[in-house]
Amino acid sequence: MKQIENTQSAIQAWSEHAIESGNAKCNHDCRITCKMLTEAMRKEAEMIQFYETIMTECDYPAVNSFVRELLEEKSRIVLHINQKLNEIRACGQVSNGVISECNPEFL
C-alpha cells in the first residue's frame, strides 16, 4: 500500500509540475539553440528519473520489465532530441560564420 501511495504522490507531483512549467514559449530564434527542444529534453529527463524511481520502488516483475522498456524508449527520445539540438547548433554556427564574413559588425 505504501508503494501505491508513493507512486500516486509522485504522479501528482509530476502533473502539478507539468502544469506549472507549461508556460514555455518559443522565441522563434533557433540559430544556436531551440528553447522548446531544450525544454522537451528536460521534461523527458525528468520522466526518466520518475521511471527509475518506479523501478526501485516496485518489485513486481511485469511492471518492472514494462517500466524498463519505457526507460529505454525515453532514453532514445532524449538522445534523438539532443542530436537535433546539435544539428541546430551546428547550422547556427555556420550561419554566424557566413554572416560575420559578409558583415563583421553585424555580430
PDB file of N, CA and C in Angstrom:
ATOM      1  N   MET A   1       0.821  -1.193   0.000  1.00  0.00           N
ATOM      2  CA  MET A   1       0.000   0.000   0.000  1.00  0.00           C
ATOM      3  C   MET A   1       0.864   1.256   0.000  1.00  0.00           C
ATOM      4  N   LYS A   2       1.981   1.207   0.708  1.00  0.00           N
ATOM      5  CA  LYS A   2       2.886   2.340   0.780  1.00  0.00           C
ATOM      6  C   LYS A   2       3.450   2.684  -0.604  1.00  0.00           C
ATOM      7  N   GLN A   3       3.769   1.640  -1.404  1.00  0.00           N
ATOM      8  CA  GLN A   3       4.294   1.864  -2.741  1.00  0.00           C
ATOM      9  C   GLN A   3       3.262   2.566  -3.621  1.00  0.00           C
ATOM     10  N   ILE A   4       2.013   2.179  -3.498  1.00  0.00           N
ATOM     11  CA  ILE A   4       0.949   2.792  -4.289  1.00  0.00           C
ATOM     12  C   ILE A   4       0.817   4.264  -3.919  1.00  0.00           C
ATOM     13  N   GLU A   5       0.862   4.573  -2.621  1.00  0.00           N
ATOM     14  CA  GLU A   5       0.768   5.959  -2.173  1.00  0.00           C
ATOM     15  C   GLU A   5       1.946   6.779  -2.693  1.00  0.00           C
ATOM     16  N   ASN A   6       3.156   6.207  -2.643  1.00  0.00           N
ATOM     17  CA  ASN A   6       4.339   6.905  -3.140  1.00  0.00           C
ATOM     18  C   ASN A   6       4.228   7.163  -4.637  1.00  0.00           C
ATOM     19  N   THR A   7       3.771   6.163  -5.376  1.00  0.00           N
ATOM     20  CA  THR A   7       3.618   6.312  -6.816  1.00  0.00           C
ATOM     21  C   THR A   7       2.562   7.349  -7.140  1.00  0.00           C
ATOM     22  N   GLN A   8       1.439   7.305  -6.421  1.00  0.00           N
ATOM     23  CA  GLN A   8       0.380   8.278  -6.666  1.00  0.00           C
ATOM     24  C   GLN A   8       0.850   9.683  -6.344  1.00  0.00           C
ATOM     25  N   SER A   9       1.596   9.853  -5.261  1.00  0.00           N
ATOM     26  CA  SER A   9       2.081  11.189  -4.922  1.00  0.00           C
ATOM     27  C   SER A   9       3.119  11.649  -5.941  1.00  0.00           C
ATOM     28  N   ALA A  10       3.921  10.739  -6.462  1.00  0.00           N
ATOM     29  CA  ALA A  10       4.899  11.100  -7.493  1.00  0.00           C
ATOM     30  C   ALA A  10       4.187  11.508  -8.779  1.00  0.00           C
ATOM     31  N   ILE A  11       3.133  10.790  -9.142  1.00  0.00           N
ATOM     32  CA  ILE A  11       2.358  11.140 -10.333  1.00  0.00           C
ATOM     33  C   ILE A  11       1.703  12.496 -10.145  1.00  0.00           C
ATOM     34  N   GLN A  12       1.143  12.747  -8.983  1.00  0.00           N
ATOM     35  CA  GLN A  12       0.502  14.030  -8.707  1.00  0.00           C
ATOM     36  C   GLN A  12       1.538  15.154  -8.764  1.00  0.00           C
ATOM     37  N   ALA A  13       2.698  14.945  -8.179  1.00  0.00           N
ATOM     38  CA  ALA A  13       3.753  15.970  -8.206  1.00  0.00           C
ATOM     39  C   ALA A  13       4.181  16.237  -9.639  1.00  0.00           C
ATOM     40  N   TRP A  14       4.311  15.187 -10.437  1.00  0.00           N
ATOM     41  CA  TRP A  14       4.693  15.363 -11.838  1.00  0.00           C
ATOM     42  C   TRP A  14       3.628  16.156 -12.584  1.00  0.00           C
ATOM     43  N   SER A  15       2.361  15.829 -12.354  1.00  0.00           N
ATOM     44  CA  SER A  15       1.264  16.527 -13.032  1.00  0.00           C
ATOM     45  C   SER A  15       1.254  18.004 -12.662  1.00  0.00           C
ATOM     46  N   GLU A  16       1.420  18.302 -11.388  1.00  0.00           N
ATOM     47  CA  GLU A  16       1.436  19.695 -10.936  1.00  0.00           C
ATOM     48  C   GLU A  16       2.621  20.441 -11.542  1.00  0.00           C
ATOM     49  N   HIS A  17       3.773  19.774 -11.604  1.00  0.00           N
ATOM     50  CA  HIS A  17       4.960  20.409 -12.178  1.00  0.00           C
ATOM     51  C   HIS A  17       4.750  20.673 -13.669  1.00  0.00           C
ATOM     52  N   ALA A  18       4.139  19.722 -14.364  1.00  0.00           N
ATOM     53  CA  ALA A  18       3.897  19.888 -15.796  1.00  0.00           C
ATOM     54  C   ALA A  18       2.978  21.074 -16.056  1.00  0.00           C
ATOM     55  N   ILE A  19       1.986  21.243 -15.201  1.00  0.00           N
ATOM     56  CA  ILE A  19       1.072  22.376 -15.350  1.00  0.00           C
ATOM     57  C   ILE A  19       1.807  23.683 -15.079  1.00  0.00           C
ATOM     58  N   GLU A  20       2.625  23.708 -14.019  1.00  0.00           N
ATOM     59  CA  GLU A  20       3.365  24.918 -13.657  1.00  0.00           C
ATOM     60  C   GLU A  20       4.363  25.319 -14.734  1.00  0.00           C
ATOM     61  N   SER A  21       5.056  24.351 -15.310  1.00  0.00           N
ATOM     62  CA  SER A  21       6.093  24.672 -16.288  1.00  0.00           C
ATOM     63  C   SER A  21       5.556  24.668 -17.706  1.00  0.00           C
ATOM     64  N   GLY A  22       4.251  24.643 -17.869  1.00  0.00           N
ATOM     65  CA  GLY A  22       3.652  24.628 -19.187  1.00  0.00           C
ATOM     66  C   GLY A  22       3.668  25.963 -19.889  1.00  0.00           C
ATOM     67  N   ASN A  23       4.366  26.934 -19.337  1.00  0.00           N
ATOM     68  CA  ASN A  23       4.386  28.254 -19.942  1.00  0.00           C
ATOM     69  C   ASN A  23       5.637  28.500 -20.773  1.00  0.00           C
ATOM     70  N   ALA A  24       6.277  27.449 -21.255  1.00  0.00           N
ATOM     71  CA  ALA A  24       7.439  27.607 -22.118  1.00  0.00           C
ATOM     72  C   ALA A  24       6.979  28.181 -23.447  1.00  0.00           C
ATOM     73  N   LYS A  25       7.661  29.200 -23.885  1.00  0.00           N
ATOM     74  CA  LYS A  25       7.305  29.889 -25.123  1.00  0.00           C
ATOM     75  C   LYS A  25       8.476  29.828 -26.098  1.00  0.00           C
ATOM     76  N   CYS A  26       8.146  29.666 -27.359  1.00  0.00           N
ATOM     77  CA  CYS A  26       9.155  29.655 -28.410  1.00  0.00           C
ATOM     78  C   CYS A  26       9.537  31.095 -28.732  1.00  0.00           C
ATOM     79  N   ASN A  27      10.837  31.357 -28.797  1.00  0.00           N
ATOM     80  CA  ASN A  27      11.272  32.714 -29.135  1.00  0.00           C
ATOM     81  C   ASN A  27      11.580  32.855 -30.628  1.00  0.00           C
ATOM     82  N   HIS A  28      11.344  31.802 -31.402  1.00  0.00           N
ATOM     83  CA  HIS A  28      11.463  31.801 -32.865  1.00  0.00           C
ATOM     84  C   HIS A  28      12.844  32.232 -33.353  1.00  0.00           C
ATOM     85  N   ASP A  29      13.870  31.976 -32.570  1.00  0.00           N
ATOM     86  CA  ASP A  29      15.234  32.299 -32.957  1.00  0.00           C
ATOM     87  C   ASP A  29      16.095  31.073 -32.676  1.00  0.00           C
ATOM     88  N   CYS A  30      16.088  30.140 -33.602  1.00  0.00           N
ATOM     89  CA  CYS A  30      16.775  28.859 -33.387  1.00  0.00           C
ATOM     90  C   CYS A  30      18.117  28.787 -34.110  1.00  0.00           C
ATOM     91  N   ARG A  31      18.804  29.911 -34.216  1.00  0.00           N
ATOM     92  CA  ARG A  31      20.097  29.858 -34.893  1.00  0.00           C
ATOM     93  C   ARG A  31      21.120  29.064 -34.092  1.00  0.00           C
ATOM     94  N   ILE A  32      21.114  29.175 -32.799  1.00  0.00           N
ATOM     95  CA  ILE A  32      22.105  28.489 -31.972  1.00  0.00           C
ATOM     96  C   ILE A  32      21.462  27.387 -31.128  1.00  0.00           C
ATOM     97  N   THR A  33      20.290  27.639 -30.599  1.00  0.00           N
ATOM     98  CA  THR A  33      19.643  26.640 -29.770  1.00  0.00           C
ATOM     99  C   THR A  33      18.131  26.791 -29.888  1.00  0.00           C
ATOM    100  N   CYS A  34      17.425  25.747 -29.559  1.00  0.00           N
ATOM    101  CA  CYS A  34      15.964  25.780 -29.606  1.00  0.00           C
ATOM    102  C   CYS A  34      15.434  25.643 -28.179  1.00  0.00           C
ATOM    103  N   LYS A  35      14.798  26.681 -27.708  1.00  0.00           N
ATOM    104  CA  LYS A  35      14.278  26.694 -26.343  1.00  0.00           C
ATOM    105  C   LYS A  35      13.252  25.576 -26.125  1.00  0.00           C
ATOM    106  N   MET A  36      12.416  25.328 -27.126  1.00  0.00           N
ATOM    107  CA  MET A  36      11.363  24.330 -26.977  1.00  0.00           C
ATOM    108  C   MET A  36      11.939  22.909 -26.930  1.00  0.00           C
ATOM    109  N   LEU A  37      12.911  22.618 -27.781  1.00  0.00           N
ATOM    110  CA  LEU A  37      13.529  21.291 -27.735  1.00  0.00           C
ATOM    111  C   LEU A  37      14.330  21.090 -26.455  1.00  0.00           C
ATOM    112  N   THR A  38      14.953  22.144 -25.984  1.00  0.00           N
ATOM    113  CA  THR A  38      15.674  22.062 -24.720  1.00  0.00           C
ATOM    114  C   THR A  38      14.705  21.740 -23.587  1.00  0.00           C
ATOM    115  N   GLU A  39      13.551  22.387 -23.587  1.00  0.00           N
ATOM    116  CA  GLU A  39      12.522  22.116 -22.577  1.00  0.00           C
ATOM    117  C   GLU A  39      11.992  20.691 -22.714  1.00  0.00           C
ATOM    118  N   ALA A  40      11.798  20.240 -23.954  1.00  0.00           N
ATOM    119  CA  ALA A  40      11.328  18.866 -24.180  1.00  0.00           C
ATOM    120  C   ALA A  40      12.336  17.862 -23.634  1.00  0.00           C
ATOM    121  N   MET A  41      13.616  18.119 -23.869  1.00  0.00           N
ATOM    122  CA  MET A  41      14.645  17.213 -23.365  1.00  0.00           C
ATOM    123  C   MET A  41      14.664  17.208 -21.843  1.00  0.00           C
ATOM    124  N   ARG A  42      14.486  18.370 -21.229  1.00  0.00           N
ATOM    125  CA  ARG A  42      14.457  18.446 -19.766  1.00  0.00           C
ATOM    126  C   ARG A  42      13.297  17.631 -19.208  1.00  0.00           C
ATOM    127  N   LYS A  43      12.129  17.761 -19.836  1.00  0.00           N
ATOM    128  CA  LYS A  43      10.958  17.019 -19.354  1.00  0.00           C
ATOM    129  C   LYS A  43      11.125  15.515 -19.544  1.00  0.00           C
ATOM    130  N   GLU A  44      11.697  15.110 -20.659  1.00  0.00           N
ATOM    131  CA  GLU A  44      11.944  13.690 -20.881  1.00  0.00           C
ATOM    132  C   GLU A  44      12.930  13.150 -19.845  1.00  0.00           C
ATOM    133  N   ALA A  45      13.944  13.944 -19.509  1.00  0.00           N
ATOM    134  CA  ALA A  45      14.911  13.527 -18.482  1.00  0.00           C
ATOM    135  C   ALA A  45      14.224  13.385 -17.125  1.00  0.00           C
ATOM    136  N   GLU A  46      13.281  14.272 -16.838  1.00  0.00           N
ATOM    137  CA  GLU A  46      12.509  14.152 -15.587  1.00  0.00           C
ATOM    138  C   GLU A  46      11.688  12.865 -15.587  1.00  0.00           C
ATOM    139  N   MET A  47      11.130  12.520 -16.730  1.00  0.00           N
ATOM    140  CA  MET A  47      10.355  11.282 -16.813  1.00  0.00           C
ATOM    141  C   MET A  47      11.251  10.068 -16.599  1.00  0.00           C
ATOM    142  N   ILE A  48      12.463  10.127 -17.114  1.00  0.00           N
ATOM    143  CA  ILE A  48      13.406   9.033 -16.896  1.00  0.00           C
ATOM    144  C   ILE A  48      13.654   8.861 -15.401  1.00  0.00           C
ATOM    145  N   GLN A  49      13.853   9.967 -14.703  1.00  0.00           N
ATOM    146  CA  GLN A  49      14.062   9.897 -13.253  1.00  0.00           C
ATOM    147  C   GLN A  49      12.835   9.313 -12.561  1.00  0.00           C
ATOM    148  N   PHE A  50      11.658   9.707 -13.016  1.00  0.00           N
ATOM    149  CA  PHE A  50      10.423   9.190 -12.436  1.00  0.00           C
ATOM    150  C   PHE A  50      10.321   7.680 -12.648  1.00  0.00           C
ATOM    151  N   TYR A  51      10.602   7.223 -13.860  1.00  0.00           N
ATOM    152  CA  TYR A  51      10.544   5.787 -14.141  1.00  0.00           C
ATOM    153  C   TYR A  51      11.598   5.017 -13.353  1.00  0.00           C
ATOM    154  N   GLU A  52      12.766   5.614 -13.162  1.00  0.00           N
ATOM    155  CA  GLU A  52      13.795   4.968 -12.347  1.00  0.00           C
ATOM    156  C   GLU A  52      13.310   4.801 -10.909  1.00  0.00           C
ATOM    157  N   THR A  53      12.580   5.795 -10.411  1.00  0.00           N
ATOM    158  CA  THR A  53      12.002   5.696  -9.065  1.00  0.00           C
ATOM    159  C   THR A  53      11.001   4.554  -9.000  1.00  0.00           C
ATOM    160  N   ILE A  54      10.182   4.446 -10.013  1.00  0.00           N
ATOM    161  CA  ILE A  54       9.206   3.346 -10.048  1.00  0.00           C
ATOM    162  C   ILE A  54       9.930   2.013 -10.004  1.00  0.00           C
ATOM    163  N   MET A  55      10.995   1.885 -10.789  1.00  0.00           N
ATOM    164  CA  MET A  55      11.726   0.611 -10.828  1.00  0.00           C
ATOM    165  C   MET A  55      12.334   0.254  -9.478  1.00  0.00           C
ATOM    166  N   THR A  56      12.813   1.255  -8.739  1.00  0.00           N
ATOM    167  CA  THR A  56      13.409   0.951  -7.437  1.00  0.00           C
ATOM    168  C   THR A  56      12.338   0.644  -6.393  1.00  0.00           C
ATOM    169  N   GLU A  57      11.155   1.223  -6.551  1.00  0.00           N
ATOM    170  CA  GLU A  57      10.083   1.030  -5.575  1.00  0.00           C
ATOM    171  C   GLU A  57       9.240  -0.208  -5.843  1.00  0.00           C
ATOM    172  N   CYS A  58       9.072  -0.551  -7.099  1.00  0.00           N
ATOM    173  CA  CYS A  58       8.167  -1.650  -7.452  1.00  0.00           C
ATOM    174  C   CYS A  58       8.963  -2.900  -7.799  1.00  0.00           C
ATOM    175  N   ASP A  59       8.671  -3.980  -7.117  1.00  0.00           N
ATOM    176  CA  ASP A  59       9.386  -5.223  -7.399  1.00  0.00           C
ATOM    177  C   ASP A  59       8.527  -6.244  -8.141  1.00  0.00           C
ATOM    178  N   TYR A  60       7.368  -5.819  -8.634  1.00  0.00           N
ATOM    179  CA  TYR A  60       6.513  -6.709  -9.417  1.00  0.00           C
ATOM    180  C   TYR A  60       7.153  -6.889 -10.790  1.00  0.00           C
ATOM    181  N   PRO A  61       7.522  -8.117 -11.165  1.00  0.00           N
ATOM    182  CA  PRO A  61       8.302  -8.341 -12.394  1.00  0.00           C
ATOM    183  C   PRO A  61       7.670  -7.773 -13.670  1.00  0.00           C
ATOM    184  N   ALA A  62       6.370  -7.933 -13.839  1.00  0.00           N
ATOM    185  CA  ALA A  62       5.725  -7.445 -15.061  1.00  0.00           C
ATOM    186  C   ALA A  62       5.807  -5.920 -15.160  1.00  0.00           C
ATOM    187  N   VAL A  63       5.602  -5.249 -14.037  1.00  0.00           N
ATOM    188  CA  VAL A  63       5.670  -3.787 -14.029  1.00  0.00           C
ATOM    189  C   VAL A  63       7.120  -3.342 -14.218  1.00  0.00           C
ATOM    190  N   ASN A  64       8.022  -4.014 -13.538  1.00  0.00           N
ATOM    191  CA  ASN A  64       9.430  -3.648 -13.628  1.00  0.00           C
ATOM    192  C   ASN A  64       9.949  -3.764 -15.058  1.00  0.00           C
ATOM    193  N   SER A  65       9.620  -4.850 -15.749  1.00  0.00           N
ATOM    194  CA  SER A  65      10.089  -5.007 -17.133  1.00  0.00           C
ATOM    195  C   SER A  65       9.416  -3.997 -18.060  1.00  0.00           C
ATOM    196  N   PHE A  66       8.140  -3.689 -17.809  1.00  0.00           N
ATOM    197  CA  PHE A  66       7.443  -2.687 -18.611  1.00  0.00           C
ATOM    198  C   PHE A  66       8.082  -1.312 -18.441  1.00  0.00           C
ATOM    199  N   VAL A  67       8.370  -0.958 -17.205  1.00  0.00           N
ATOM    200  CA  VAL A  67       8.978   0.346 -16.937  1.00  0.00           C
ATOM    201  C   VAL A  67      10.393   0.392 -17.514  1.00  0.00           C
ATOM    202  N   ARG A  68      11.097  -0.725 -17.497  1.00  0.00           N
ATOM    203  CA  ARG A  68      12.432  -0.782 -18.107  1.00  0.00           C
ATOM    204  C   ARG A  68      12.336  -0.461 -19.604  1.00  0.00           C
ATOM    205  N   GLU A  69      11.316  -0.999 -20.270  1.00  0.00           N
ATOM    206  CA  GLU A  69      11.101  -0.693 -21.689  1.00  0.00           C
ATOM    207  C   GLU A  69      10.806   0.797 -21.883  1.00  0.00           C
ATOM    208  N   LEU A  70       9.997   1.361 -20.992  1.00  0.00           N
ATOM    209  CA  LEU A  70       9.704   2.792 -21.069  1.00  0.00           C
ATOM    210  C   LEU A  70      10.977   3.620 -20.902  1.00  0.00           C
ATOM    211  N   LEU A  71      11.829   3.189 -19.975  1.00  0.00           N
ATOM    212  CA  LEU A  71      13.101   3.880 -19.756  1.00  0.00           C
ATOM    213  C   LEU A  71      13.970   3.862 -21.009  1.00  0.00           C
ATOM    214  N   GLU A  72      14.034   2.708 -21.651  1.00  0.00           N
ATOM    215  CA  GLU A  72      14.829   2.597 -22.870  1.00  0.00           C
ATOM    216  C   GLU A  72      14.268   3.503 -23.960  1.00  0.00           C
ATOM    217  N   GLU A  73      12.946   3.549 -24.071  1.00  0.00           N
ATOM    218  CA  GLU A  73      12.299   4.406 -25.066  1.00  0.00           C
ATOM    219  C   GLU A  73      12.577   5.882 -24.782  1.00  0.00           C
ATOM    220  N   LYS A  74      12.430   6.282 -23.524  1.00  0.00           N
ATOM    221  CA  LYS A  74      12.684   7.676 -23.150  1.00  0.00           C
ATOM    222  C   LYS A  74      14.146   8.043 -23.371  1.00  0.00           C
ATOM    223  N   SER A  75      15.050   7.118 -23.117  1.00  0.00           N
ATOM    224  CA  SER A  75      16.475   7.378 -23.341  1.00  0.00           C
ATOM    225  C   SER A  75      16.748   7.614 -24.823  1.00  0.00           C
ATOM    226  N   ARG A  76      16.089   6.831 -25.690  1.00  0.00           N
ATOM    227  CA  ARG A  76      16.240   7.049 -27.129  1.00  0.00           C
ATOM    228  C   ARG A  76      15.684   8.412 -27.536  1.00  0.00           C
ATOM    229  N   ILE A  77      14.570   8.810 -26.935  1.00  0.00           N
ATOM    230  CA  ILE A  77      13.970  10.113 -27.248  1.00  0.00           C
ATOM    231  C   ILE A  77      14.916  11.245 -26.846  1.00  0.00           C
ATOM    232  N   VAL A  78      15.492  11.160 -25.651  1.00  0.00           N
ATOM    233  CA  VAL A  78      16.434  12.189 -25.194  1.00  0.00           C
ATOM    234  C   VAL A  78      17.625  12.263 -26.145  1.00  0.00           C
ATOM    235  N   LEU A  79      18.132  11.115 -26.558  1.00  0.00           N
ATOM    236  CA  LEU A  79      19.254  11.088 -27.492  1.00  0.00           C
ATOM    237  C   LEU A  79      18.863  11.739 -28.817  1.00  0.00           C
ATOM    238  N   HIS A  80      17.681  11.432 -29.313  1.00  0.00           N
ATOM    239  CA  HIS A  80      17.202  11.994 -30.572  1.00  0.00           C
ATOM    240  C   HIS A  80      17.052  13.516 -30.472  1.00  0.00           C
ATOM    241  N   ILE A  81      16.482  13.998 -29.385  1.00  0.00           N
ATOM    242  CA  ILE A  81      16.340  15.451 -29.175  1.00  0.00           C
ATOM    243  C   ILE A  81      17.721  16.100 -29.113  1.00  0.00           C
ATOM    244  N   ASN A  82      18.643  15.474 -28.401  1.00  0.00           N
ATOM    245  CA  ASN A  82      19.993  16.007 -28.286  1.00  0.00           C
ATOM    246  C   ASN A  82      20.675  16.084 -29.653  1.00  0.00           C
ATOM    247  N   GLN A  83      20.473  15.076 -30.481  1.00  0.00           N
ATOM    248  CA  GLN A  83      21.039  15.097 -31.824  1.00  0.00           C
ATOM    249  C   GLN A  83      20.480  16.272 -32.631  1.00  0.00           C
ATOM    250  N   LYS A  84      19.173  16.506 -32.538  1.00  0.00           N
ATOM    251  CA  LYS A  84      18.558  17.615 -33.266  1.00  0.00           C
ATOM    252  C   LYS A  84      19.090  18.951 -32.751  1.00  0.00           C
ATOM    253  N   LEU A  85      19.233  19.084 -31.442  1.00  0.00           N
ATOM    254  CA  LEU A  85      19.802  20.316 -30.886  1.00  0.00           C
ATOM    255  C   LEU A  85      21.226  20.543 -31.386  1.00  0.00           C
ATOM    256  N   ASN A  86      22.013  19.481 -31.489  1.00  0.00           N
ATOM    257  CA  ASN A  86      23.371  19.604 -32.019  1.00  0.00           C
ATOM    258  C   ASN A  86      23.361  20.034 -33.480  1.00  0.00           C
ATOM    259  N   GLU A  87      22.406  19.509 -34.258  1.00  0.00           N
ATOM    260  CA  GLU A  87      22.272  19.925 -35.659  1.00  0.00           C
ATOM    261  C   GLU A  87      21.942  21.414 -35.744  1.00  0.00           C
ATOM    262  N   ILE A  88      21.003  21.851 -34.924  1.00  0.00           N
ATOM    263  CA  ILE A  88      20.602  23.259 -34.922  1.00  0.00           C
ATOM    264  C   ILE A  88      21.784  24.139 -34.538  1.00  0.00           C
ATOM    265  N   ARG A  89      22.522  23.710 -33.527  1.00  0.00           N
ATOM    266  CA  ARG A  89      23.688  24.470 -33.063  1.00  0.00           C
ATOM    267  C   ARG A  89      24.743  24.560 -34.166  1.00  0.00           C
ATOM    268  N   ALA A  90      24.998  23.442 -34.849  1.00  0.00           N
ATOM    269  CA  ALA A  90      25.993  23.434 -35.922  1.00  0.00           C
ATOM    270  C   ALA A  90      25.563  24.343 -37.071  1.00  0.00           C
ATOM    271  N   CYS A  91      24.311  24.275 -37.456  1.00  0.00           N
ATOM    272  CA  CYS A  91      23.804  25.153 -38.527  1.00  0.00           C
ATOM    273  C   CYS A  91      23.903  26.614 -38.110  1.00  0.00           C
ATOM    274  N   GLY A  92      23.597  26.907 -36.862  1.00  0.00           N
ATOM    275  CA  GLY A  92      23.688  28.279 -36.367  1.00  0.00           C
ATOM    276  C   GLY A  92      25.103  28.797 -36.381  1.00  0.00           C
ATOM    277  N   GLN A  93      26.044  27.935 -36.029  1.00  0.00           N
ATOM    278  CA  GLN A  93      27.443  28.360 -36.038  1.00  0.00           C
ATOM    279  C   GLN A  93      27.922  28.634 -37.457  1.00  0.00           C
ATOM    280  N   VAL A  94      27.473  27.810 -38.398  1.00  0.00           N
ATOM    281  CA  VAL A  94      27.825  28.049 -39.802  1.00  0.00           C
ATOM    282  C   VAL A  94      27.220  29.368 -40.263  1.00  0.00           C
ATOM    283  N   SER A  95      25.954  29.581 -39.918  1.00  0.00           N
ATOM    284  CA  SER A  95      25.286  30.841 -40.295  1.00  0.00           C
ATOM    285  C   SER A  95      26.011  32.038 -39.702  1.00  0.00           C
ATOM    286  N   ASN A  96      26.404  31.945 -38.451  1.00  0.00           N
ATOM    287  CA  ASN A  96      27.144  33.044 -37.806  1.00  0.00           C
ATOM    288  C   ASN A  96      28.459  33.309 -38.525  1.00  0.00           C
ATOM    289  N   GLY A  97      29.123  32.239 -38.941  1.00  0.00           N
ATOM    290  CA  GLY A  97      30.387  32.389 -39.663  1.00  0.00           C
ATOM    291  C   GLY A  97      30.192  33.092 -40.995  1.00  0.00           C
ATOM    292  N   VAL A  98      29.139  32.697 -41.722  1.00  0.00           N
ATOM    293  CA  VAL A  98      28.851  33.325 -43.002  1.00  0.00           C
ATOM    294  C   VAL A  98      28.493  34.792 -42.808  1.00  0.00           C
ATOM    295  N   ILE A  99      27.651  35.079 -41.839  1.00  0.00           N
ATOM    296  CA  ILE A  99      27.237  36.456 -41.578  1.00  0.00           C
ATOM    297  C   ILE A  99      28.434  37.310 -41.181  1.00  0.00           C
ATOM    298  N   SER A 100      29.288  36.777 -40.326  1.00  0.00           N
ATOM    299  CA  SER A 100      30.439  37.568 -39.876  1.00  0.00           C
ATOM    300  C   SER A 100      31.429  37.801 -41.018  1.00  0.00           C
ATOM    301  N   GLU A 101      31.537  36.881 -41.950  1.00  0.00           N
ATOM    302  CA  GLU A 101      32.421  37.070 -43.101  1.00  0.00           C
ATOM    303  C   GLU A 101      31.880  38.155 -44.024  1.00  0.00           C
ATOM    304  N   CYS A 102      30.552  38.210 -44.168  1.00  0.00           N
ATOM    305  CA  CYS A 102      29.929  39.195 -45.063  1.00  0.00           C
ATOM    306  C   CYS A 102      29.840  40.572 -44.424  1.00  0.00           C
ATOM    307  N   ASN A 103      29.565  40.586 -43.111  1.00  0.00           N
ATOM    308  CA  ASN A 103      29.328  41.852 -42.421  1.00  0.00           C
ATOM    309  C   ASN A 103      29.802  41.700 -40.970  1.00  0.00           C
ATOM    310  N   PRO A 104      31.082  41.879 -40.687  1.00  0.00           N
ATOM    311  CA  PRO A 104      31.633  41.631 -39.346  1.00  0.00           C
ATOM    312  C   PRO A 104      30.973  42.453 -38.243  1.00  0.00           C
ATOM    313  N   GLU A 105      30.499  43.639 -38.512  1.00  0.00           N
ATOM    314  CA  GLU A 105      29.901  44.436 -37.447  1.00  0.00           C
ATOM    315  C   GLU A 105      28.479  44.000 -37.133  1.00  0.00           C
ATOM    316  N   PHE A 106      27.903  43.070 -37.915  1.00  0.00           N
ATOM    317  CA  PHE A 106      26.543  42.585 -37.656  1.00  0.00           C
ATOM    318  C   PHE A 106      26.478  41.798 -36.365  1.00  0.00           C
ATOM    319  N   LEU A 107      27.531  41.029 -36.090  1.00  0.00           N
ATOM    320  CA  LEU A 107      27.558  40.214 -34.882  1.00  0.00           C
ATOM    321  C   LEU A 107      28.196  40.960 -33.801  1.00  0.00           C
TER     322      LEU A 107
END
